[in-house]
C-alpha cells in the first residue's frame, strides 16, 4: 500500500526549509522532501530524496511508493540565474512543473479525488513598459500587465496557466473526464528571510544589504536608491501558502492570487539598515540589466481577492519585519559564527 504524504519539492531551498519547519510545528509528520541538495540541519527528521524534479524515472519510483495528498511545488531556478541559463531555467521551471502536474493528474484520477497542488509564483510575472507607466499603475491586479521581461517571470506565468489548464480543462474532450488537479498559486513579492541566505533572486538586494551590514561588510546595491517594489517577510509567505492550501475550494474565486505586505524603496531599506547598524557602508551602483528588470515590476500588488476569499492578512508589517524578525535573528546568526 502506498504511503500518503505531503510532497515538498525544493525542500532544501529558502521557502522549502521554512515550510517544512512550520509543517512539523503544526504536527505534520508525513512529509516527503525532494531536492538536488541535501536538507540543512533540522531539529527533526523528515524523509528526503536527493534528485532532480525533471528525472522522470525518479518520479515514477516515488509514485510507486507514495500517494501524494498535497504537493507544494517550490523547486525552481531563480530569476538572476535564469537569465544566464535560460534553457536550464525552462527545463527546471517549466518542464519540471509540467511533469509534476501530469503526475498529480494521474494520481488524482487514481485516488478518485484531487491532489492539492500549491505553486509559488512571483511578482516577476508582471512587466510594465516604463517608469511613467509604473507610476500610473502603482498597485496591480492579478490580470494586469502580465508581460514579463525575464525567463523566470515567463516561466512562472506559463506555469500558472498550465496549472489552470490541468485543474479545469485537461482531457476536456474525453467521454469521461477524470478528477482534476486542485491547483492553487500564490504570487509573492520579494521575500526576505532572516534564517537563510539570499539565493539569486532579483529582489535580493534588500536582504543582501542586511546580511552584509551584520557582518561588517560594505555593500554595493545593484539598483537605484529610488527603486520601489513590494516585499514580504518569510513567515508571512509560509502562512499564505498554508492558509490558501487549507481554504475550502468553494470559497475560491480564482486559481492565482496576489499576496503582499509592504512596499519600500532601496533608499528606505538602507535607512532601516542604518537604524540597526549605524556604521553600515551601503552605496548604490545600479546594474543596468538588473535595474531594468526591477523597473518593470509594480510598486505594489493588489491582494484584495486573497483578503476577501480566504482572509489573507499579513502579520508582519514594515516595522515588525525589521525590528522583531530580521534584525534580532540576523544579528544572532553572525554572533554565533
C-alpha atoms as a PDB file:
ATOM      1  CA  UNK A   1       0.000   0.000   0.000  1.00  0.00           C
ATOM      2  CA  UNK A   2       1.287   3.434  -0.924  1.00  0.00           C
ATOM      3  CA  UNK A   3       2.122   5.747   1.963  1.00  0.00           C
ATOM      4  CA  UNK A   4       0.148   9.017   1.911  1.00  0.00           C
ATOM      5  CA  UNK A   5       2.500  12.010   2.063  1.00  0.00           C
ATOM      6  CA  UNK A   6       2.798  15.735   1.520  1.00  0.00           C
ATOM      7  CA  UNK A   7       5.458  16.275  -1.162  1.00  0.00           C
ATOM      8  CA  UNK A   8       7.652  19.383  -0.914  1.00  0.00           C
ATOM      9  CA  UNK A   9       9.836  19.896  -3.973  1.00  0.00           C
ATOM     10  CA  UNK A  10      12.737  22.267  -3.494  1.00  0.00           C
ATOM     11  CA  UNK A  11      12.697  21.307   0.167  1.00  0.00           C
ATOM     12  CA  UNK A  12      16.265  22.477   0.752  1.00  0.00           C
ATOM     13  CA  UNK A  13      15.555  25.962  -0.586  1.00  0.00           C
ATOM     14  CA  UNK A  14      14.723  29.206   1.172  1.00  0.00           C
ATOM     15  CA  UNK A  15      10.956  28.695   1.166  1.00  0.00           C
ATOM     16  CA  UNK A  16      11.162  24.898   1.425  1.00  0.00           C
ATOM     17  CA  UNK A  17      13.102  24.746   4.689  1.00  0.00           C
ATOM     18  CA  UNK A  18      10.783  27.309   6.294  1.00  0.00           C
ATOM     19  CA  UNK A  19       7.698  25.456   5.070  1.00  0.00           C
ATOM     20  CA  UNK A  20       8.908  22.065   6.306  1.00  0.00           C
ATOM     21  CA  UNK A  21       9.739  23.577   9.699  1.00  0.00           C
ATOM     22  CA  UNK A  22       6.257  25.095  10.014  1.00  0.00           C
ATOM     23  CA  UNK A  23       4.504  21.903   8.878  1.00  0.00           C
ATOM     24  CA  UNK A  24       6.413  19.976  11.547  1.00  0.00           C
ATOM     25  CA  UNK A  25       5.473  22.538  14.205  1.00  0.00           C
ATOM     26  CA  UNK A  26       1.827  22.025  13.224  1.00  0.00           C
ATOM     27  CA  UNK A  27       2.143  18.288  13.838  1.00  0.00           C
ATOM     28  CA  UNK A  28       2.510  17.139  10.222  1.00  0.00           C
ATOM     29  CA  UNK A  29       4.802  14.098  10.089  1.00  0.00           C
ATOM     30  CA  UNK A  30       4.141  12.578   6.656  1.00  0.00           C
ATOM     31  CA  UNK A  31       6.469  14.974   4.797  1.00  0.00           C
ATOM     32  CA  UNK A  32       8.477  13.868   1.747  1.00  0.00           C
ATOM     33  CA  UNK A  33      11.114  16.364   0.593  1.00  0.00           C
ATOM     34  CA  UNK A  34      12.739  16.351  -2.850  1.00  0.00           C
ATOM     35  CA  UNK A  35      15.735  18.476  -3.860  1.00  0.00           C
ATOM     36  CA  UNK A  36      19.041  18.229  -5.723  1.00  0.00           C
ATOM     37  CA  UNK A  37      20.715  19.348  -2.466  1.00  0.00           C
ATOM     38  CA  UNK A  38      20.641  17.746   0.981  1.00  0.00           C
ATOM     39  CA  UNK A  39      18.399  19.299   3.591  1.00  0.00           C
ATOM     40  CA  UNK A  40      20.097  21.672   6.037  1.00  0.00           C
ATOM     41  CA  UNK A  41      20.384  20.516   9.620  1.00  0.00           C
ATOM     42  CA  UNK A  42      16.967  20.412  11.273  1.00  0.00           C
ATOM     43  CA  UNK A  43      15.863  19.654  14.823  1.00  0.00           C
ATOM     44  CA  UNK A  44      13.767  16.780  13.464  1.00  0.00           C
ATOM     45  CA  UNK A  45      13.998  14.174  10.725  1.00  0.00           C
ATOM     46  CA  UNK A  46      11.913  14.042   7.548  1.00  0.00           C
ATOM     47  CA  UNK A  47      12.235  11.740   4.561  1.00  0.00           C
ATOM     48  CA  UNK A  48      14.394  13.497   1.998  1.00  0.00           C
ATOM     49  CA  UNK A  49      15.125  12.333  -1.540  1.00  0.00           C
ATOM     50  CA  UNK A  50      18.128  13.683  -3.422  1.00  0.00           C
ATOM     51  CA  UNK A  51      17.067  14.104  -7.010  1.00  0.00           C
ATOM     52  CA  UNK A  52      16.095  16.301  -9.940  1.00  0.00           C
ATOM     53  CA  UNK A  53      12.473  17.318 -10.453  1.00  0.00           C
ATOM     54  CA  UNK A  54      12.998  16.570 -14.167  1.00  0.00           C
ATOM     55  CA  UNK A  55      14.104  12.977 -13.507  1.00  0.00           C
ATOM     56  CA  UNK A  56      11.019  11.096 -14.738  1.00  0.00           C
ATOM     57  CA  UNK A  57      12.235   7.621 -13.648  1.00  0.00           C
ATOM     58  CA  UNK A  58      12.778   9.011 -10.142  1.00  0.00           C
ATOM     59  CA  UNK A  59       9.252  10.436 -10.049  1.00  0.00           C
ATOM     60  CA  UNK A  60       7.853   7.129 -11.261  1.00  0.00           C
ATOM     61  CA  UNK A  61       9.629   5.330  -8.406  1.00  0.00           C
ATOM     62  CA  UNK A  62       8.192   7.806  -5.916  1.00  0.00           C
ATOM     63  CA  UNK A  63       4.706   7.328  -7.341  1.00  0.00           C
ATOM     64  CA  UNK A  64       5.061   3.569  -6.903  1.00  0.00           C
ATOM     65  CA  UNK A  65       5.819   4.054  -3.202  1.00  0.00           C
ATOM     66  CA  UNK A  66       3.833   7.139  -2.190  1.00  0.00           C
ATOM     67  CA  UNK A  67       0.386   8.651  -2.586  1.00  0.00           C
ATOM     68  CA  UNK A  68       0.626  12.421  -2.873  1.00  0.00           C
ATOM     69  CA  UNK A  69      -2.216  14.040  -0.974  1.00  0.00           C
ATOM     70  CA  UNK A  70      -0.729  17.542  -1.349  1.00  0.00           C
ATOM     71  CA  UNK A  71       2.167  18.857  -3.424  1.00  0.00           C
ATOM     72  CA  UNK A  72       3.985  22.072  -2.568  1.00  0.00           C
ATOM     73  CA  UNK A  73       5.987  22.610  -5.746  1.00  0.00           C
ATOM     74  CA  UNK A  74       8.757  25.013  -4.713  1.00  0.00           C
ATOM     75  CA  UNK A  75      11.650  23.758  -6.875  1.00  0.00           C
ATOM     76  CA  UNK A  76      12.787  26.435  -9.323  1.00  0.00           C
ATOM     77  CA  UNK A  77      15.771  28.106 -10.932  1.00  0.00           C
ATOM     78  CA  UNK A  78      15.574  31.682  -9.638  1.00  0.00           C
ATOM     79  CA  UNK A  79      15.444  34.904 -11.589  1.00  0.00           C
ATOM     80  CA  UNK A  80      19.014  36.165 -11.876  1.00  0.00           C
ATOM     81  CA  UNK A  81      20.476  32.753 -12.579  1.00  0.00           C
ATOM     82  CA  UNK A  82      17.695  32.015 -15.070  1.00  0.00           C
ATOM     83  CA  UNK A  83      18.782  34.990 -17.181  1.00  0.00           C
ATOM     84  CA  UNK A  84      22.220  33.456 -17.629  1.00  0.00           C
ATOM     85  CA  UNK A  85      20.947  29.920 -18.294  1.00  0.00           C
ATOM     86  CA  UNK A  86      17.522  30.297 -19.935  1.00  0.00           C
ATOM     87  CA  UNK A  87      17.437  26.779 -21.375  1.00  0.00           C
ATOM     88  CA  UNK A  88      18.168  25.257 -17.970  1.00  0.00           C
ATOM     89  CA  UNK A  89      15.566  27.550 -16.417  1.00  0.00           C
ATOM     90  CA  UNK A  90      12.943  26.397 -18.911  1.00  0.00           C
ATOM     91  CA  UNK A  91      13.814  22.761 -18.249  1.00  0.00           C
ATOM     92  CA  UNK A  92      13.539  23.083 -14.472  1.00  0.00           C
ATOM     93  CA  UNK A  93      10.800  25.676 -14.144  1.00  0.00           C
ATOM     94  CA  UNK A  94       8.508  24.632 -16.992  1.00  0.00           C
ATOM     95  CA  UNK A  95       9.250  21.029 -17.897  1.00  0.00           C
ATOM     96  CA  UNK A  96       9.660  20.092 -14.236  1.00  0.00           C
ATOM     97  CA  UNK A  97       6.322  21.694 -13.374  1.00  0.00           C
ATOM     98  CA  UNK A  98       4.576  20.142 -16.377  1.00  0.00           C
ATOM     99  CA  UNK A  99       5.795  16.670 -15.415  1.00  0.00           C
ATOM    100  CA  UNK A 100       4.649  17.140 -11.837  1.00  0.00           C
ATOM    101  CA  UNK A 101       1.227  18.406 -12.921  1.00  0.00           C
ATOM    102  CA  UNK A 102       0.828  15.324 -15.114  1.00  0.00           C
ATOM    103  CA  UNK A 103       1.842  13.144 -12.179  1.00  0.00           C
ATOM    104  CA  UNK A 104      -0.662  14.933  -9.945  1.00  0.00           C
ATOM    105  CA  UNK A 105      -3.377  14.490 -12.567  1.00  0.00           C
ATOM    106  CA  UNK A 106      -2.701  10.762 -12.854  1.00  0.00           C
ATOM    107  CA  UNK A 107      -2.743  10.407  -9.071  1.00  0.00           C
ATOM    108  CA  UNK A 108      -5.967  12.432  -8.811  1.00  0.00           C
ATOM    109  CA  UNK A 109      -7.599  10.060 -11.272  1.00  0.00           C
ATOM    110  CA  UNK A 110      -6.259   7.009  -9.423  1.00  0.00           C
ATOM    111  CA  UNK A 111      -7.321   8.372  -5.995  1.00  0.00           C
ATOM    112  CA  UNK A 112     -10.744   9.440  -7.172  1.00  0.00           C
ATOM    113  CA  UNK A 113     -10.221  12.869  -5.602  1.00  0.00           C
ATOM    114  CA  UNK A 114      -7.984  15.816  -6.489  1.00  0.00           C
ATOM    115  CA  UNK A 115      -4.379  16.164  -5.460  1.00  0.00           C
ATOM    116  CA  UNK A 116      -3.917  19.610  -3.943  1.00  0.00           C
ATOM    117  CA  UNK A 117      -1.144  21.377  -5.902  1.00  0.00           C
ATOM    118  CA  UNK A 118       0.254  24.558  -4.314  1.00  0.00           C
ATOM    119  CA  UNK A 119       2.527  26.680  -6.505  1.00  0.00           C
ATOM    120  CA  UNK A 120       4.513  29.791  -5.509  1.00  0.00           C
ATOM    121  CA  UNK A 121       4.540  32.348  -8.307  1.00  0.00           C
ATOM    122  CA  UNK A 122       6.190  35.747  -8.373  1.00  0.00           C
ATOM    123  CA  UNK A 123       5.952  39.484  -8.918  1.00  0.00           C
ATOM    124  CA  UNK A 124       8.252  38.722 -11.868  1.00  0.00           C
ATOM    125  CA  UNK A 125       5.191  37.766 -13.962  1.00  0.00           C
ATOM    126  CA  UNK A 126       4.499  41.481 -14.326  1.00  0.00           C
ATOM    127  CA  UNK A 127       6.123  43.692 -16.924  1.00  0.00           C
ATOM    128  CA  UNK A 128       5.379  47.395 -17.075  1.00  0.00           C
ATOM    129  CA  UNK A 129       6.943  49.079 -20.110  1.00  0.00           C
ATOM    130  CA  UNK A 130       8.476  52.170 -18.473  1.00  0.00           C
ATOM    131  CA  UNK A 131       8.699  54.165 -15.252  1.00  0.00           C
ATOM    132  CA  UNK A 132       5.898  56.527 -16.286  1.00  0.00           C
ATOM    133  CA  UNK A 133       3.501  53.570 -16.653  1.00  0.00           C
ATOM    134  CA  UNK A 134       4.765  52.133 -13.379  1.00  0.00           C
ATOM    135  CA  UNK A 135       3.869  55.414 -11.656  1.00  0.00           C
ATOM    136  CA  UNK A 136       0.441  55.399 -13.335  1.00  0.00           C
ATOM    137  CA  UNK A 137      -0.343  51.838 -12.187  1.00  0.00           C
ATOM    138  CA  UNK A 138       1.233  51.563  -8.724  1.00  0.00           C
ATOM    139  CA  UNK A 139      -0.914  48.677  -7.415  1.00  0.00           C
ATOM    140  CA  UNK A 140      -1.650  45.970  -9.972  1.00  0.00           C
ATOM    141  CA  UNK A 141      -4.299  43.233 -10.036  1.00  0.00           C
ATOM    142  CA  UNK A 142      -3.641  39.601 -10.980  1.00  0.00           C
ATOM    143  CA  UNK A 143      -4.664  40.003 -14.634  1.00  0.00           C
ATOM    144  CA  UNK A 144      -2.940  43.343 -15.319  1.00  0.00           C
ATOM    145  CA  UNK A 145       0.389  43.855 -17.082  1.00  0.00           C
ATOM    146  CA  UNK A 146       1.231  40.159 -17.436  1.00  0.00           C
ATOM    147  CA  UNK A 147       4.095  40.857 -19.836  1.00  0.00           C
ATOM    148  CA  UNK A 148       7.199  39.534 -18.060  1.00  0.00           C
ATOM    149  CA  UNK A 149      10.653  40.599 -19.236  1.00  0.00           C
ATOM    150  CA  UNK A 150      12.601  37.694 -17.772  1.00  0.00           C
ATOM    151  CA  UNK A 151      12.840  33.974 -18.396  1.00  0.00           C
ATOM    152  CA  UNK A 152      11.896  33.359 -14.756  1.00  0.00           C
ATOM    153  CA  UNK A 153       8.813  35.575 -14.970  1.00  0.00           C
ATOM    154  CA  UNK A 154       7.797  33.992 -18.264  1.00  0.00           C
ATOM    155  CA  UNK A 155       8.243  30.532 -16.764  1.00  0.00           C
ATOM    156  CA  UNK A 156       6.121  31.393 -13.738  1.00  0.00           C
ATOM    157  CA  UNK A 157       3.318  32.930 -15.794  1.00  0.00           C
ATOM    158  CA  UNK A 158       3.195  29.962 -18.153  1.00  0.00           C
ATOM    159  CA  UNK A 159       3.188  27.506 -15.242  1.00  0.00           C
ATOM    160  CA  UNK A 160       0.248  29.373 -13.703  1.00  0.00           C
ATOM    161  CA  UNK A 161      -1.578  28.841 -16.998  1.00  0.00           C
ATOM    162  CA  UNK A 162      -0.582  25.169 -17.070  1.00  0.00           C
ATOM    163  CA  UNK A 163      -1.961  24.767 -13.561  1.00  0.00           C
ATOM    164  CA  UNK A 164      -5.264  26.346 -14.551  1.00  0.00           C
ATOM    165  CA  UNK A 165      -5.395  24.076 -17.606  1.00  0.00           C
ATOM    166  CA  UNK A 166      -4.813  20.893 -15.588  1.00  0.00           C
ATOM    167  CA  UNK A 167      -7.337  21.961 -12.958  1.00  0.00           C
ATOM    168  CA  UNK A 168     -10.111  22.966 -15.367  1.00  0.00           C
ATOM    169  CA  UNK A 169      -9.593  21.726 -18.922  1.00  0.00           C
ATOM    170  CA  UNK A 170      -7.245  18.726 -19.108  1.00  0.00           C
ATOM    171  CA  UNK A 171      -8.829  15.876 -21.106  1.00  0.00           C
ATOM    172  CA  UNK A 172     -11.889  18.044 -21.679  1.00  0.00           C
ATOM    173  CA  UNK A 173     -12.684  16.080 -24.863  1.00  0.00           C
ATOM    174  CA  UNK A 174     -12.678  12.737 -23.039  1.00  0.00           C
ATOM    175  CA  UNK A 175     -16.010  10.940 -22.752  1.00  0.00           C
ATOM    176  CA  UNK A 176     -15.470  10.507 -19.017  1.00  0.00           C
ATOM    177  CA  UNK A 177     -13.279  13.229 -17.582  1.00  0.00           C
ATOM    178  CA  UNK A 178     -11.034  12.208 -14.690  1.00  0.00           C
ATOM    179  CA  UNK A 179     -10.943  14.007 -11.355  1.00  0.00           C
ATOM    180  CA  UNK A 180      -8.935  17.171 -11.885  1.00  0.00           C
ATOM    181  CA  UNK A 181      -5.942  18.588 -10.001  1.00  0.00           C
ATOM    182  CA  UNK A 182      -6.749  21.235  -7.379  1.00  0.00           C
ATOM    183  CA  UNK A 183      -4.150  23.812  -8.473  1.00  0.00           C
ATOM    184  CA  UNK A 184      -3.676  26.983  -6.410  1.00  0.00           C
ATOM    185  CA  UNK A 185      -0.947  29.605  -6.868  1.00  0.00           C
ATOM    186  CA  UNK A 186       0.314  32.475  -4.738  1.00  0.00           C
ATOM    187  CA  UNK A 187       2.082  35.369  -6.419  1.00  0.00           C
ATOM    188  CA  UNK A 188       4.717  36.566  -3.968  1.00  0.00           C
ATOM    189  CA  UNK A 189       6.522  39.911  -3.794  1.00  0.00           C
ATOM    190  CA  UNK A 190      10.209  39.955  -2.877  1.00  0.00           C
ATOM    191  CA  UNK A 191      10.667  37.568   0.048  1.00  0.00           C
ATOM    192  CA  UNK A 192      13.001  38.343   2.958  1.00  0.00           C
ATOM    193  CA  UNK A 193      14.301  35.612   5.254  1.00  0.00           C
ATOM    194  CA  UNK A 194      16.277  36.010   8.454  1.00  0.00           C
ATOM    195  CA  UNK A 195      17.417  32.384   8.526  1.00  0.00           C
ATOM    196  CA  UNK A 196      18.602  31.574   5.000  1.00  0.00           C
ATOM    197  CA  UNK A 197      20.998  33.454   2.763  1.00  0.00           C
ATOM    198  CA  UNK A 198      19.736  35.190  -0.391  1.00  0.00           C
ATOM    199  CA  UNK A 199      19.937  32.744  -3.278  1.00  0.00           C
ATOM    200  CA  UNK A 200      19.805  34.533  -6.603  1.00  0.00           C
ATOM    201  CA  UNK A 201      16.557  36.480  -6.655  1.00  0.00           C
ATOM    202  CA  UNK A 202      16.481  39.854  -8.371  1.00  0.00           C
ATOM    203  CA  UNK A 203      14.839  41.340  -5.244  1.00  0.00           C
ATOM    204  CA  UNK A 204      17.641  40.038  -3.038  1.00  0.00           C
ATOM    205  CA  UNK A 205      19.371  43.423  -2.795  1.00  0.00           C
ATOM    206  CA  UNK A 206      17.254  44.034   0.324  1.00  0.00           C
ATOM    207  CA  UNK A 207      18.266  41.008   2.388  1.00  0.00           C
ATOM    208  CA  UNK A 208      21.817  41.149   0.975  1.00  0.00           C
ATOM    209  CA  UNK A 209      22.096  44.669   2.409  1.00  0.00           C
ATOM    210  CA  UNK A 210      21.189  43.464   5.907  1.00  0.00           C
ATOM    211  CA  UNK A 211      23.410  40.381   5.853  1.00  0.00           C
ATOM    212  CA  UNK A 212      26.389  42.465   4.694  1.00  0.00           C
ATOM    213  CA  UNK A 213      25.806  45.072   7.411  1.00  0.00           C
ATOM    214  CA  UNK A 214      25.505  42.405  10.112  1.00  0.00           C
ATOM    215  CA  UNK A 215      28.907  41.035   9.099  1.00  0.00           C
ATOM    216  CA  UNK A 216      30.517  44.460   8.888  1.00  0.00           C
ATOM    217  CA  UNK A 217      30.981  44.178   5.124  1.00  0.00           C
ATOM    218  CA  UNK A 218      30.422  47.044   2.674  1.00  0.00           C
ATOM    219  CA  UNK A 219      27.610  46.550   0.180  1.00  0.00           C
ATOM    220  CA  UNK A 220      27.045  47.975  -3.295  1.00  0.00           C
ATOM    221  CA  UNK A 221      23.322  47.839  -4.028  1.00  0.00           C
ATOM    222  CA  UNK A 222      22.643  46.908  -7.653  1.00  0.00           C
ATOM    223  CA  UNK A 223      19.532  49.105  -8.058  1.00  0.00           C
ATOM    224  CA  UNK A 224      18.879  52.848  -7.789  1.00  0.00           C
ATOM    225  CA  UNK A 225      18.043  54.417  -4.451  1.00  0.00           C
ATOM    226  CA  UNK A 226      14.510  55.312  -5.630  1.00  0.00           C
ATOM    227  CA  UNK A 227      13.656  51.763  -6.779  1.00  0.00           C
ATOM    228  CA  UNK A 228      10.425  50.677  -5.071  1.00  0.00           C
ATOM    229  CA  UNK A 229       8.917  47.163  -5.095  1.00  0.00           C
ATOM    230  CA  UNK A 230       6.748  45.102  -2.697  1.00  0.00           C
ATOM    231  CA  UNK A 231       8.259  42.813  -0.049  1.00  0.00           C
ATOM    232  CA  UNK A 232       7.134  40.225   2.490  1.00  0.00           C
ATOM    233  CA  UNK A 233       8.723  38.521   5.493  1.00  0.00           C
ATOM    234  CA  UNK A 234       9.226  34.782   5.065  1.00  0.00           C
ATOM    235  CA  UNK A 235       6.900  33.770   7.955  1.00  0.00           C
ATOM    236  CA  UNK A 236       4.026  35.517   6.171  1.00  0.00           C
ATOM    237  CA  UNK A 237       4.908  33.755   2.909  1.00  0.00           C
ATOM    238  CA  UNK A 238       4.707  30.364   4.614  1.00  0.00           C
ATOM    239  CA  UNK A 239       1.450  31.309   6.303  1.00  0.00           C
ATOM    240  CA  UNK A 240      -0.015  32.370   2.940  1.00  0.00           C
ATOM    241  CA  UNK A 241       0.848  29.011   1.359  1.00  0.00           C
ATOM    242  CA  UNK A 242      -0.673  27.044   4.228  1.00  0.00           C
ATOM    243  CA  UNK A 243      -3.713  29.306   4.537  1.00  0.00           C
ATOM    244  CA  UNK A 244      -4.519  29.007   0.828  1.00  0.00           C
ATOM    245  CA  UNK A 245      -3.999  25.227   0.997  1.00  0.00           C
ATOM    246  CA  UNK A 246      -6.461  24.953   3.907  1.00  0.00           C
ATOM    247  CA  UNK A 247      -9.229  27.032   2.315  1.00  0.00           C
ATOM    248  CA  UNK A 248     -12.259  25.059   1.049  1.00  0.00           C
ATOM    249  CA  UNK A 249     -12.359  25.053  -2.748  1.00  0.00           C
ATOM    250  CA  UNK A 250     -15.837  26.562  -2.899  1.00  0.00           C
ATOM    251  CA  UNK A 251     -14.571  29.771  -1.294  1.00  0.00           C
ATOM    252  CA  UNK A 252     -12.006  30.428  -4.037  1.00  0.00           C
ATOM    253  CA  UNK A 253     -12.927  32.681  -6.941  1.00  0.00           C
ATOM    254  CA  UNK A 254      -9.651  32.221  -8.811  1.00  0.00           C
ATOM    255  CA  UNK A 255      -6.657  29.874  -9.098  1.00  0.00           C
ATOM    256  CA  UNK A 256      -3.924  32.524  -8.806  1.00  0.00           C
ATOM    257  CA  UNK A 257      -3.778  35.107  -6.019  1.00  0.00           C
ATOM    258  CA  UNK A 258      -1.575  38.096  -5.253  1.00  0.00           C
ATOM    259  CA  UNK A 259      -0.345  38.459  -1.685  1.00  0.00           C
ATOM    260  CA  UNK A 260       1.858  41.191  -0.298  1.00  0.00           C
ATOM    261  CA  UNK A 261       2.799  43.039   2.872  1.00  0.00           C
ATOM    262  CA  UNK A 262       4.604  46.362   2.365  1.00  0.00           C
ATOM    263  CA  UNK A 263       6.487  48.361  -0.269  1.00  0.00           C
ATOM    264  CA  UNK A 264       9.604  50.429   0.212  1.00  0.00           C
ATOM    265  CA  UNK A 265      12.410  51.884  -1.852  1.00  0.00           C
ATOM    266  CA  UNK A 266      16.017  50.708  -1.804  1.00  0.00           C
ATOM    267  CA  UNK A 267      16.913  54.007  -0.113  1.00  0.00           C
ATOM    268  CA  UNK A 268      14.325  53.414   2.605  1.00  0.00           C
ATOM    269  CA  UNK A 269      15.671  49.883   3.008  1.00  0.00           C
ATOM    270  CA  UNK A 270      19.111  51.397   3.612  1.00  0.00           C
ATOM    271  CA  UNK A 271      17.644  53.777   6.224  1.00  0.00           C
ATOM    272  CA  UNK A 272      16.211  50.803   8.135  1.00  0.00           C
ATOM    273  CA  UNK A 273      19.564  49.023   7.970  1.00  0.00           C
ATOM    274  CA  UNK A 274      21.344  52.093   9.361  1.00  0.00           C
ATOM    275  CA  UNK A 275      18.985  52.132  12.357  1.00  0.00           C
ATOM    276  CA  UNK A 276      20.354  48.772  13.474  1.00  0.00           C
ATOM    277  CA  UNK A 277      23.858  49.094  12.023  1.00  0.00           C
ATOM    278  CA  UNK A 278      24.850  52.793  12.136  1.00  0.00           C
ATOM    279  CA  UNK A 279      28.286  52.074  10.692  1.00  0.00           C
ATOM    280  CA  UNK A 280      26.978  50.087   7.718  1.00  0.00           C
ATOM    281  CA  UNK A 281      28.553  51.026   4.404  1.00  0.00           C
ATOM    282  CA  UNK A 282      25.878  50.879   1.697  1.00  0.00           C
ATOM    283  CA  UNK A 283      26.284  52.579  -1.661  1.00  0.00           C
ATOM    284  CA  UNK A 284      24.209  52.400  -4.841  1.00  0.00           C
ATOM    285  CA  UNK A 285      25.837  51.123  -8.025  1.00  0.00           C
ATOM    286  CA  UNK A 286      22.973  50.153 -10.339  1.00  0.00           C
ATOM    287  CA  UNK A 287      23.490  47.222 -12.670  1.00  0.00           C
ATOM    288  CA  UNK A 288      21.653  48.413 -15.778  1.00  0.00           C
ATOM    289  CA  UNK A 289      20.382  44.951 -16.731  1.00  0.00           C
ATOM    290  CA  UNK A 290      19.055  44.063 -13.299  1.00  0.00           C
ATOM    291  CA  UNK A 291      17.751  47.604 -12.815  1.00  0.00           C
ATOM    292  CA  UNK A 292      15.683  47.300 -15.997  1.00  0.00           C
ATOM    293  CA  UNK A 293      14.100  44.099 -14.678  1.00  0.00           C
ATOM    294  CA  UNK A 294      13.121  45.621 -11.327  1.00  0.00           C
ATOM    295  CA  UNK A 295      11.840  48.767 -13.058  1.00  0.00           C
ATOM    296  CA  UNK A 296       9.345  46.571 -14.927  1.00  0.00           C
ATOM    297  CA  UNK A 297       7.827  45.279 -11.670  1.00  0.00           C
ATOM    298  CA  UNK A 298       4.983  47.175  -9.979  1.00  0.00           C
ATOM    299  CA  UNK A 299       5.482  49.245  -6.850  1.00  0.00           C
ATOM    300  CA  UNK A 300       2.755  47.249  -5.115  1.00  0.00           C
ATOM    301  CA  UNK A 301       0.396  44.304  -5.690  1.00  0.00           C
ATOM    302  CA  UNK A 302      -3.351  44.400  -5.146  1.00  0.00           C
ATOM    303  CA  UNK A 303      -4.234  41.416  -2.948  1.00  0.00           C
ATOM    304  CA  UNK A 304      -7.903  42.255  -2.322  1.00  0.00           C
ATOM    305  CA  UNK A 305      -9.109  38.925  -3.738  1.00  0.00           C
ATOM    306  CA  UNK A 306      -6.955  36.928  -1.311  1.00  0.00           C
ATOM    307  CA  UNK A 307      -8.166  39.056   1.584  1.00  0.00           C
ATOM    308  CA  UNK A 308     -11.796  38.556   0.568  1.00  0.00           C
ATOM    309  CA  UNK A 309     -11.735  34.862  -0.420  1.00  0.00           C
ATOM    310  CA  UNK A 310      -9.521  33.324   2.245  1.00  0.00           C
ATOM    311  CA  UNK A 311      -8.942  36.007   4.834  1.00  0.00           C
ATOM    312  CA  UNK A 312      -5.373  36.820   3.885  1.00  0.00           C
ATOM    313  CA  UNK A 313      -3.768  39.419   6.155  1.00  0.00           C
ATOM    314  CA  UNK A 314       0.000  39.802   6.703  1.00  0.00           C
ATOM    315  CA  UNK A 315       1.127  39.604  10.311  1.00  0.00           C
ATOM    316  CA  UNK A 316       4.475  41.300   9.663  1.00  0.00           C
ATOM    317  CA  UNK A 317       4.161  44.942   8.637  1.00  0.00           C
ATOM    318  CA  UNK A 318       7.204  47.040   7.751  1.00  0.00           C
ATOM    319  CA  UNK A 319       8.263  47.892  11.308  1.00  0.00           C
ATOM    320  CA  UNK A 320       7.663  44.437  12.767  1.00  0.00           C
ATOM    321  CA  UNK A 321       9.526  42.789   9.883  1.00  0.00           C
ATOM    322  CA  UNK A 322      12.687  44.712  10.654  1.00  0.00           C
ATOM    323  CA  UNK A 323      12.570  45.115  14.433  1.00  0.00           C
ATOM    324  CA  UNK A 324      11.120  41.760  15.513  1.00  0.00           C
ATOM    325  CA  UNK A 325      12.116  39.387  12.716  1.00  0.00           C
ATOM    326  CA  UNK A 326      15.094  40.487  10.619  1.00  0.00           C
ATOM    327  CA  UNK A 327      17.416  42.415  12.906  1.00  0.00           C
ATOM    328  CA  UNK A 328      17.403  40.178  16.020  1.00  0.00           C
ATOM    329  CA  UNK A 329      17.682  36.920  14.098  1.00  0.00           C
ATOM    330  CA  UNK A 330      20.339  38.062  11.624  1.00  0.00           C
ATOM    331  CA  UNK A 331      22.414  39.600  14.418  1.00  0.00           C
ATOM    332  CA  UNK A 332      22.182  36.319  16.336  1.00  0.00           C
ATOM    333  CA  UNK A 333      23.170  34.367  13.218  1.00  0.00           C
ATOM    334  CA  UNK A 334      26.511  36.131  12.879  1.00  0.00           C
ATOM    335  CA  UNK A 335      27.129  36.487  16.601  1.00  0.00           C
ATOM    336  CA  UNK A 336      27.221  32.701  16.838  1.00  0.00           C
ATOM    337  CA  UNK A 337      29.646  32.185  13.938  1.00  0.00           C
END
